[in-house]
Amino acid sequence: MEAVSAAVFEFLFKYRPVVFERGELIFGMPWPAYVLVPIGLILIATPLLGYVRVTGRVGNLDRVVLAGLRFLALVIVLFCLAQPILVLATVVPQENFLGILIDDSRSMRIADDGRSRSDFIREKFGPEGSELLAGLAIGSAPRRAGRFHRRR
């Protein structure tokens, strides 16, 4: 019986009950609640007062049933107008990578501390098993190396 009710729930609300348990139901109302609540109360109270004032051969049970059905219909309409939204926290897989940009322009030929800057870069980034690259590989993100320079 539980499987049938879960199937009916999924048919009516698109998601299984488990999803609703994990999610949060919010309302995307176009107007603030302090405007909609009084309007809703007026819409609900008007037909109920009409059933109280009706005289004739209608019994009290019939009045209660008709008032309850109209009340239920208005509550459903107001619920739909409140624009219910199911918010779920999901993990979206994405590919992260570490970009390494190496400058090989003419300015890298300038000598610092007795050797050129490009020699320093080749020493640190040159071999694939270098100490710096191994330190950057701590995370699971793949590395992508690139170069930039301007040719004239």
N, C-alpha and C. Protein backbone atom coordinates (compact mmCIF):
# COMPACT_ATOMS: atom_id res chain seq x y z
N MET A 1 0.82 -1.20 0.00
CA MET A 1 0.00 0.00 0.00
C MET A 1 0.86 1.25 0.00
N GLU A 2 2.01 1.16 0.69
CA GLU A 2 2.90 2.32 0.76
C GLU A 2 3.48 2.65 -0.62
N ALA A 3 3.77 1.61 -1.40
CA ALA A 3 4.30 1.82 -2.75
C ALA A 3 3.28 2.52 -3.64
N VAL A 4 2.02 2.17 -3.47
CA VAL A 4 0.97 2.79 -4.27
C VAL A 4 0.84 4.27 -3.91
N SER A 5 0.84 4.57 -2.62
CA SER A 5 0.72 5.97 -2.20
C SER A 5 1.93 6.78 -2.64
N ALA A 6 3.12 6.18 -2.62
CA ALA A 6 4.31 6.87 -3.09
C ALA A 6 4.23 7.13 -4.59
N ALA A 7 3.68 6.17 -5.34
CA ALA A 7 3.53 6.35 -6.78
C ALA A 7 2.52 7.45 -7.09
N VAL A 8 1.43 7.50 -6.35
CA VAL A 8 0.43 8.55 -6.54
C VAL A 8 1.03 9.91 -6.18
N PHE A 9 1.78 9.96 -5.09
CA PHE A 9 2.43 11.20 -4.68
C PHE A 9 3.40 11.68 -5.76
N GLU A 10 4.18 10.75 -6.30
CA GLU A 10 5.14 11.12 -7.35
C GLU A 10 4.41 11.57 -8.61
N PHE A 11 3.29 10.96 -8.94
CA PHE A 11 2.51 11.37 -10.11
C PHE A 11 1.98 12.79 -9.93
N LEU A 12 1.49 13.10 -8.74
CA LEU A 12 0.89 14.42 -8.49
C LEU A 12 1.93 15.52 -8.32
N PHE A 13 3.04 15.22 -7.68
CA PHE A 13 4.00 16.26 -7.32
C PHE A 13 5.36 16.14 -8.01
N LYS A 14 5.51 15.24 -8.95
CA LYS A 14 6.69 15.07 -9.79
C LYS A 14 7.87 14.40 -9.09
N TYR A 15 8.00 14.52 -7.80
CA TYR A 15 9.12 13.95 -7.06
C TYR A 15 8.61 12.98 -6.00
N ARG A 16 9.47 12.04 -5.60
CA ARG A 16 9.13 11.10 -4.54
C ARG A 16 9.07 11.84 -3.19
N PRO A 17 8.38 11.28 -2.20
CA PRO A 17 8.30 11.92 -0.89
C PRO A 17 9.66 12.13 -0.23
N VAL A 18 10.63 11.27 -0.54
CA VAL A 18 11.97 11.41 0.04
C VAL A 18 12.59 12.74 -0.36
N VAL A 19 12.35 13.16 -1.60
CA VAL A 19 12.90 14.42 -2.08
C VAL A 19 12.31 15.58 -1.30
N PHE A 20 11.02 15.52 -1.01
CA PHE A 20 10.39 16.58 -0.23
C PHE A 20 10.91 16.60 1.20
N GLU A 21 11.27 15.43 1.73
CA GLU A 21 11.83 15.38 3.08
C GLU A 21 13.19 16.05 3.13
N ARG A 22 13.96 15.91 2.07
CA ARG A 22 15.31 16.49 2.04
C ARG A 22 15.30 17.95 1.61
N GLY A 23 14.26 18.37 0.92
CA GLY A 23 14.20 19.73 0.39
C GLY A 23 13.49 20.69 1.33
N GLU A 24 13.40 21.91 0.89
CA GLU A 24 12.73 22.96 1.66
C GLU A 24 11.69 23.60 0.74
N LEU A 25 10.47 23.70 1.22
CA LEU A 25 9.38 24.29 0.45
C LEU A 25 9.30 25.77 0.77
N ILE A 26 9.50 26.60 -0.25
CA ILE A 26 9.39 28.05 -0.07
C ILE A 26 8.34 28.56 -1.06
N PHE A 27 7.94 29.80 -0.87
CA PHE A 27 6.93 30.39 -1.74
C PHE A 27 7.53 31.58 -2.46
N GLY A 28 7.34 31.62 -3.77
CA GLY A 28 7.83 32.73 -4.58
C GLY A 28 6.70 33.70 -4.88
N MET A 29 6.05 34.16 -3.84
CA MET A 29 4.88 35.03 -4.01
C MET A 29 5.29 36.35 -4.67
N PRO A 30 4.47 36.81 -5.63
CA PRO A 30 4.79 38.08 -6.26
C PRO A 30 4.58 39.27 -5.33
N TRP A 31 3.73 39.10 -4.29
CA TRP A 31 3.48 40.16 -3.33
C TRP A 31 3.85 39.66 -1.95
N PRO A 32 4.13 40.57 -1.04
CA PRO A 32 4.47 40.14 0.33
C PRO A 32 3.28 39.48 1.02
N ALA A 33 3.59 38.67 2.01
CA ALA A 33 2.56 37.91 2.73
C ALA A 33 1.57 38.82 3.45
N TYR A 34 2.03 39.98 3.93
CA TYR A 34 1.11 40.86 4.67
C TYR A 34 0.05 41.46 3.75
N VAL A 35 0.24 41.39 2.44
CA VAL A 35 -0.80 41.83 1.50
C VAL A 35 -1.72 40.66 1.14
N LEU A 36 -1.13 39.49 0.95
CA LEU A 36 -1.91 38.34 0.50
C LEU A 36 -2.74 37.69 1.60
N VAL A 37 -2.27 37.71 2.83
CA VAL A 37 -3.01 37.06 3.92
C VAL A 37 -4.38 37.73 4.14
N PRO A 38 -4.48 39.06 4.24
CA PRO A 38 -5.82 39.65 4.40
C PRO A 38 -6.74 39.38 3.20
N ILE A 39 -6.17 39.41 1.99
CA ILE A 39 -6.99 39.13 0.81
C ILE A 39 -7.49 37.68 0.86
N GLY A 40 -6.63 36.77 1.25
CA GLY A 40 -7.03 35.36 1.37
C GLY A 40 -8.09 35.16 2.43
N LEU A 41 -7.94 35.84 3.56
CA LEU A 41 -8.95 35.72 4.62
C LEU A 41 -10.31 36.25 4.17
N ILE A 42 -10.30 37.34 3.42
CA ILE A 42 -11.56 37.89 2.91
C ILE A 42 -12.19 36.92 1.91
N LEU A 43 -11.35 36.34 1.03
CA LEU A 43 -11.88 35.39 0.05
C LEU A 43 -12.44 34.14 0.72
N ILE A 44 -11.84 33.73 1.81
CA ILE A 44 -12.32 32.53 2.51
C ILE A 44 -13.54 32.84 3.37
N ALA A 45 -13.55 34.01 4.02
CA ALA A 45 -14.64 34.34 4.95
C ALA A 45 -15.95 34.67 4.22
N THR A 46 -15.87 35.24 3.04
CA THR A 46 -17.08 35.66 2.33
C THR A 46 -18.03 34.49 2.06
N PRO A 47 -17.59 33.40 1.45
CA PRO A 47 -18.55 32.30 1.22
C PRO A 47 -19.00 31.62 2.51
N LEU A 48 -18.11 31.58 3.51
CA LEU A 48 -18.51 30.95 4.77
C LEU A 48 -19.64 31.73 5.43
N LEU A 49 -19.54 33.06 5.40
CA LEU A 49 -20.62 33.87 5.95
C LEU A 49 -21.91 33.70 5.15
N GLY A 50 -21.76 33.50 3.85
CA GLY A 50 -22.94 33.27 3.02
C GLY A 50 -23.67 31.99 3.40
N TYR A 51 -22.94 30.96 3.77
CA TYR A 51 -23.59 29.71 4.18
C TYR A 51 -24.24 29.83 5.55
N VAL A 52 -23.72 30.68 6.40
CA VAL A 52 -24.32 30.86 7.73
C VAL A 52 -25.68 31.55 7.61
N ARG A 53 -25.80 32.50 6.68
CA ARG A 53 -27.02 33.28 6.56
C ARG A 53 -28.10 32.61 5.70
N VAL A 54 -27.80 31.51 5.06
CA VAL A 54 -28.77 30.85 4.18
C VAL A 54 -29.90 30.26 5.02
N THR A 55 -31.10 30.51 4.57
CA THR A 55 -32.27 29.92 5.24
C THR A 55 -32.99 29.02 4.24
N GLY A 56 -33.74 28.13 4.72
CA GLY A 56 -34.48 27.24 3.83
C GLY A 56 -34.38 25.81 4.31
N ARG A 57 -34.59 24.89 3.36
CA ARG A 57 -34.64 23.48 3.71
C ARG A 57 -33.26 22.82 3.72
N VAL A 58 -32.21 23.58 3.66
CA VAL A 58 -30.86 23.01 3.66
C VAL A 58 -30.47 22.71 5.10
N GLY A 59 -30.04 21.48 5.34
CA GLY A 59 -29.66 21.08 6.70
C GLY A 59 -28.27 21.58 7.06
N ASN A 60 -27.97 21.53 8.35
CA ASN A 60 -26.67 22.01 8.83
C ASN A 60 -25.51 21.18 8.27
N LEU A 61 -25.71 19.88 8.12
CA LEU A 61 -24.65 19.02 7.58
C LEU A 61 -24.34 19.40 6.14
N ASP A 62 -25.38 19.70 5.36
CA ASP A 62 -25.17 20.11 3.97
C ASP A 62 -24.40 21.43 3.91
N ARG A 63 -24.73 22.35 4.78
CA ARG A 63 -24.02 23.64 4.82
C ARG A 63 -22.55 23.45 5.15
N VAL A 64 -22.29 22.59 6.13
CA VAL A 64 -20.90 22.36 6.54
C VAL A 64 -20.11 21.71 5.40
N VAL A 65 -20.72 20.74 4.72
CA VAL A 65 -20.03 20.05 3.62
C VAL A 65 -19.76 21.03 2.48
N LEU A 66 -20.75 21.81 2.08
CA LEU A 66 -20.57 22.77 0.98
C LEU A 66 -19.56 23.86 1.35
N ALA A 67 -19.64 24.34 2.58
CA ALA A 67 -18.67 25.35 3.01
C ALA A 67 -17.26 24.77 3.05
N GLY A 68 -17.14 23.54 3.50
CA GLY A 68 -15.82 22.90 3.53
C GLY A 68 -15.24 22.69 2.15
N LEU A 69 -16.08 22.29 1.19
CA LEU A 69 -15.60 22.10 -0.19
C LEU A 69 -15.16 23.43 -0.82
N ARG A 70 -15.95 24.48 -0.59
CA ARG A 70 -15.58 25.78 -1.14
C ARG A 70 -14.31 26.30 -0.46
N PHE A 71 -14.20 26.09 0.84
CA PHE A 71 -13.00 26.49 1.58
C PHE A 71 -11.77 25.75 1.04
N LEU A 72 -11.90 24.46 0.81
CA LEU A 72 -10.80 23.66 0.29
C LEU A 72 -10.39 24.13 -1.11
N ALA A 73 -11.38 24.44 -1.95
CA ALA A 73 -11.08 24.93 -3.30
C ALA A 73 -10.32 26.26 -3.25
N LEU A 74 -10.75 27.16 -2.38
CA LEU A 74 -10.05 28.44 -2.26
C LEU A 74 -8.64 28.29 -1.70
N VAL A 75 -8.47 27.39 -0.75
CA VAL A 75 -7.13 27.15 -0.20
C VAL A 75 -6.20 26.60 -1.28
N ILE A 76 -6.70 25.70 -2.11
CA ILE A 76 -5.88 25.15 -3.19
C ILE A 76 -5.50 26.24 -4.19
N VAL A 77 -6.46 27.09 -4.55
CA VAL A 77 -6.16 28.19 -5.49
C VAL A 77 -5.15 29.15 -4.88
N LEU A 78 -5.32 29.51 -3.62
CA LEU A 78 -4.37 30.43 -2.98
C LEU A 78 -2.99 29.80 -2.85
N PHE A 79 -2.94 28.51 -2.59
CA PHE A 79 -1.65 27.81 -2.52
C PHE A 79 -0.94 27.86 -3.87
N CYS A 80 -1.69 27.65 -4.94
CA CYS A 80 -1.10 27.71 -6.28
C CYS A 80 -0.64 29.12 -6.63
N LEU A 81 -1.42 30.13 -6.23
CA LEU A 81 -1.03 31.51 -6.50
C LEU A 81 0.19 31.94 -5.70
N ALA A 82 0.46 31.26 -4.60
CA ALA A 82 1.64 31.58 -3.79
C ALA A 82 2.93 31.06 -4.43
N GLN A 83 2.84 30.33 -5.53
CA GLN A 83 3.97 29.81 -6.30
C GLN A 83 4.94 29.01 -5.43
N PRO A 84 4.52 27.83 -4.98
CA PRO A 84 5.41 27.01 -4.15
C PRO A 84 6.62 26.54 -4.95
N ILE A 85 7.78 26.54 -4.29
CA ILE A 85 9.04 26.15 -4.91
C ILE A 85 9.73 25.15 -3.99
N LEU A 86 10.19 24.05 -4.54
CA LEU A 86 10.95 23.06 -3.78
C LEU A 86 12.43 23.31 -4.02
N VAL A 87 13.15 23.67 -2.96
CA VAL A 87 14.57 23.96 -3.05
C VAL A 87 15.35 22.75 -2.56
N LEU A 88 16.21 22.23 -3.43
CA LEU A 88 17.03 21.07 -3.09
C LEU A 88 18.50 21.46 -3.17
N ALA A 89 19.27 21.01 -2.20
CA ALA A 89 20.71 21.21 -2.24
C ALA A 89 21.32 20.02 -2.95
N THR A 90 21.88 20.27 -4.12
CA THR A 90 22.50 19.20 -4.89
C THR A 90 23.93 19.56 -5.22
N VAL A 91 24.73 18.56 -5.38
CA VAL A 91 26.11 18.75 -5.76
C VAL A 91 26.19 18.60 -7.27
N VAL A 92 26.67 19.64 -7.92
CA VAL A 92 26.80 19.62 -9.36
C VAL A 92 28.26 19.31 -9.69
N PRO A 93 28.51 18.18 -10.35
CA PRO A 93 29.89 17.87 -10.68
C PRO A 93 30.43 18.84 -11.72
N GLN A 94 31.61 19.29 -11.49
CA GLN A 94 32.24 20.19 -12.44
C GLN A 94 33.72 19.86 -12.51
N GLU A 95 34.33 20.23 -13.58
CA GLU A 95 35.75 19.95 -13.75
C GLU A 95 36.53 21.18 -13.31
N ASN A 96 37.31 21.02 -12.29
CA ASN A 96 38.21 22.08 -11.84
C ASN A 96 39.59 21.78 -12.37
N PHE A 97 40.34 22.82 -12.62
CA PHE A 97 41.71 22.62 -13.04
C PHE A 97 42.55 23.77 -12.53
N LEU A 98 43.81 23.52 -12.44
CA LEU A 98 44.77 24.52 -12.00
C LEU A 98 45.51 25.01 -13.23
N GLY A 99 45.37 26.28 -13.53
CA GLY A 99 46.05 26.86 -14.69
C GLY A 99 47.41 27.42 -14.29
N ILE A 100 48.42 27.06 -15.04
CA ILE A 100 49.77 27.56 -14.81
C ILE A 100 50.17 28.31 -16.06
N LEU A 101 50.44 29.61 -15.92
CA LEU A 101 50.78 30.45 -17.05
C LEU A 101 52.26 30.80 -16.96
N ILE A 102 53.00 30.49 -17.99
CA ILE A 102 54.45 30.71 -18.00
C ILE A 102 54.76 31.79 -19.02
N ASP A 103 55.45 32.82 -18.56
CA ASP A 103 55.83 33.94 -19.42
C ASP A 103 57.14 33.61 -20.11
N ASP A 104 57.14 33.64 -21.44
CA ASP A 104 58.39 33.43 -22.17
C ASP A 104 58.67 34.61 -23.10
N SER A 105 58.30 35.79 -22.64
CA SER A 105 58.55 36.99 -23.43
C SER A 105 60.01 37.43 -23.31
N ARG A 106 60.36 38.50 -24.03
CA ARG A 106 61.75 38.98 -24.01
C ARG A 106 62.19 39.46 -22.64
N SER A 107 61.24 39.93 -21.84
CA SER A 107 61.61 40.42 -20.50
C SER A 107 62.15 39.31 -19.62
N MET A 108 61.86 38.08 -19.96
CA MET A 108 62.36 36.96 -19.16
C MET A 108 63.84 36.70 -19.40
N ARG A 109 64.43 37.38 -20.39
CA ARG A 109 65.87 37.24 -20.65
C ARG A 109 66.70 38.13 -19.73
N ILE A 110 66.06 39.03 -19.00
CA ILE A 110 66.77 39.94 -18.09
C ILE A 110 67.39 39.12 -16.97
N ALA A 111 68.62 39.48 -16.64
CA ALA A 111 69.35 38.72 -15.61
C ALA A 111 68.97 39.20 -14.22
N ASP A 112 68.68 38.25 -13.34
CA ASP A 112 68.44 38.50 -11.92
C ASP A 112 69.32 37.54 -11.14
N ASP A 113 70.11 38.06 -10.23
CA ASP A 113 71.00 37.24 -9.40
C ASP A 113 71.93 36.37 -10.25
N GLY A 114 72.44 36.94 -11.32
CA GLY A 114 73.44 36.24 -12.12
C GLY A 114 72.89 35.29 -13.16
N ARG A 115 71.59 35.09 -13.27
CA ARG A 115 71.03 34.23 -14.31
C ARG A 115 69.71 34.83 -14.79
N SER A 116 69.29 34.42 -15.96
CA SER A 116 68.07 35.00 -16.53
C SER A 116 66.83 34.45 -15.82
N ARG A 117 65.77 35.20 -15.93
CA ARG A 117 64.50 34.78 -15.32
C ARG A 117 63.97 33.50 -15.97
N SER A 118 64.19 33.37 -17.26
CA SER A 118 63.70 32.17 -17.95
C SER A 118 64.43 30.92 -17.47
N ASP A 119 65.73 31.06 -17.11
CA ASP A 119 66.45 29.91 -16.55
C ASP A 119 65.83 29.48 -15.22
N PHE A 120 65.45 30.46 -14.41
CA PHE A 120 64.81 30.16 -13.13
C PHE A 120 63.48 29.42 -13.36
N ILE A 121 62.69 29.90 -14.32
CA ILE A 121 61.40 29.26 -14.62
C ILE A 121 61.61 27.84 -15.12
N ARG A 122 62.59 27.65 -16.01
CA ARG A 122 62.87 26.30 -16.52
C ARG A 122 63.29 25.37 -15.40
N GLU A 123 64.03 25.91 -14.45
CA GLU A 123 64.49 25.08 -13.32
C GLU A 123 63.31 24.66 -12.44
N LYS A 124 62.39 25.59 -12.18
CA LYS A 124 61.28 25.29 -11.28
C LYS A 124 60.14 24.52 -11.95
N PHE A 125 59.86 24.85 -13.21
CA PHE A 125 58.72 24.23 -13.90
C PHE A 125 59.14 23.23 -14.97
N GLY A 126 60.41 23.18 -15.28
CA GLY A 126 60.89 22.39 -16.41
C GLY A 126 60.54 20.92 -16.38
N PRO A 127 61.20 20.13 -15.57
CA PRO A 127 60.91 18.69 -15.61
C PRO A 127 59.53 18.40 -15.01
N GLU A 128 58.90 17.39 -15.53
CA GLU A 128 57.54 17.04 -15.07
C GLU A 128 57.52 16.65 -13.61
N GLY A 129 58.59 16.10 -13.10
CA GLY A 129 58.61 15.67 -11.71
C GLY A 129 59.21 16.71 -10.78
N SER A 130 59.14 17.99 -11.13
CA SER A 130 59.77 19.01 -10.30
C SER A 130 59.04 19.16 -8.97
N GLU A 131 59.76 19.71 -8.02
CA GLU A 131 59.24 19.85 -6.65
C GLU A 131 58.03 20.79 -6.59
N LEU A 132 58.08 21.88 -7.34
CA LEU A 132 56.98 22.86 -7.33
C LEU A 132 55.71 22.25 -7.93
N LEU A 133 55.84 21.55 -9.04
CA LEU A 133 54.66 20.92 -9.65
C LEU A 133 54.09 19.83 -8.76
N ALA A 134 54.95 19.12 -8.06
CA ALA A 134 54.47 18.09 -7.13
C ALA A 134 53.69 18.74 -5.99
N GLY A 135 54.15 19.90 -5.52
CA GLY A 135 53.43 20.62 -4.46
C GLY A 135 52.09 21.14 -4.94
N LEU A 136 52.01 21.52 -6.21
CA LEU A 136 50.74 22.01 -6.76
C LEU A 136 49.76 20.88 -7.02
N ALA A 137 50.23 19.66 -7.07
CA ALA A 137 49.38 18.51 -7.37
C ALA A 137 48.74 17.93 -6.12
N ILE A 138 48.72 18.68 -5.01
CA ILE A 138 48.14 18.17 -3.77
C ILE A 138 46.66 17.86 -3.96
N GLY A 139 45.93 18.75 -4.61
CA GLY A 139 44.51 18.49 -4.87
C GLY A 139 44.35 17.54 -6.03
N SER A 140 43.11 17.22 -6.32
CA SER A 140 42.84 16.28 -7.41
C SER A 140 42.61 16.99 -8.73
N ALA A 141 42.75 18.32 -8.77
CA ALA A 141 42.50 19.06 -9.99
C ALA A 141 43.64 18.86 -10.98
N PRO A 142 43.32 18.60 -12.23
CA PRO A 142 44.38 18.47 -13.23
C PRO A 142 45.02 19.82 -13.51
N ARG A 143 46.26 19.79 -13.96
CA ARG A 143 46.99 21.02 -14.26
C ARG A 143 46.96 21.25 -15.76
N ARG A 144 46.91 22.52 -16.13
CA ARG A 144 47.01 22.91 -17.54
C ARG A 144 48.04 24.01 -17.62
N ALA A 145 49.06 23.78 -18.39
CA ALA A 145 50.12 24.77 -18.55
C ALA A 145 49.93 25.52 -19.85
N GLY A 146 50.29 26.79 -19.84
CA GLY A 146 50.20 27.62 -21.05
C GLY A 146 51.35 28.61 -21.06
N ARG A 147 51.57 29.22 -22.21
CA ARG A 147 52.63 30.22 -22.34
C ARG A 147 52.03 31.46 -22.97
N PHE A 148 52.64 32.58 -22.67
CA PHE A 148 52.23 33.79 -23.35
C PHE A 148 53.45 34.64 -23.65
N HIS A 149 53.43 35.27 -24.77
CA HIS A 149 54.44 36.24 -25.15
C HIS A 149 53.89 37.01 -26.34
N ARG A 150 54.54 38.10 -26.63
CA ARG A 150 54.07 38.93 -27.72
C ARG A 150 55.17 38.98 -28.77
N ARG A 151 54.84 38.59 -29.96
CA ARG A 151 55.81 38.64 -31.06
C ARG A 151 55.48 39.82 -31.95
N ARG A 152 56.54 40.50 -32.40
CA ARG A 152 56.34 41.65 -33.29
C ARG A 152 57.03 41.42 -34.59
